[in-house]
Amino acid sequence: MAPRYSRGKAKGEKKKKEEKVLPVVMDITVNLPDETSVVLK
């Protein structure tokens, strides 16, 4: 029971991290004083 629980939890955490990281990285834009936007990927 313990191994299965840990595996399921690990998979859930990985999926959550991927879903959270991708949108955040794509949406991160830095507005510089030179009126230029830099997108961090």
Protein backbone atom coordinates (compact mmCIF):
# COMPACT_ATOMS: atom_id res chain seq x y z
CA MET A 1 0.00 0.00 0.00
CA ALA A 2 2.76 2.44 0.90
CA PRO A 3 4.66 2.18 -2.44
CA ARG A 4 1.48 2.68 -4.47
CA TYR A 5 0.47 5.69 -2.39
CA SER A 6 3.91 7.29 -2.74
CA ARG A 7 3.97 6.64 -6.51
CA GLY A 8 0.51 8.17 -7.02
CA LYS A 9 1.48 11.17 -4.91
CA ALA A 10 4.74 11.64 -6.83
CA LYS A 11 2.93 11.55 -10.19
CA GLY A 12 0.35 14.06 -8.93
CA GLU A 13 3.07 16.41 -7.73
CA LYS A 14 4.96 16.18 -11.03
CA LYS A 15 1.82 16.95 -13.06
CA LYS A 16 0.92 19.88 -10.80
CA LYS A 17 4.45 21.30 -11.06
CA GLU A 18 4.44 21.05 -14.86
CA GLU A 19 1.02 22.69 -15.15
CA LYS A 20 2.03 25.49 -12.79
CA VAL A 21 5.51 26.08 -14.26
CA LEU A 22 4.62 26.19 -17.97
CA PRO A 23 1.91 28.90 -17.78
CA VAL A 24 4.00 30.98 -15.37
CA VAL A 25 7.10 30.82 -17.58
CA MET A 26 5.11 31.72 -20.69
CA ASP A 27 3.36 34.63 -18.92
CA ILE A 28 6.51 36.13 -17.36
CA THR A 29 7.32 39.37 -19.15
CA VAL A 30 9.83 41.93 -17.94
CA ASN A 31 9.18 45.53 -18.96
CA LEU A 32 12.50 47.34 -19.23
CA PRO A 33 12.86 51.15 -19.03
CA ASP A 34 13.73 51.11 -22.75
CA GLU A 35 10.10 50.19 -23.55
CA THR A 36 11.19 46.68 -24.54
CA SER A 37 9.49 43.57 -23.20
CA VAL A 38 11.58 40.47 -22.52
CA VAL A 39 9.75 37.13 -22.32
CA LEU A 40 11.49 34.64 -20.02
CA LYS A 41 11.21 31.08 -21.31
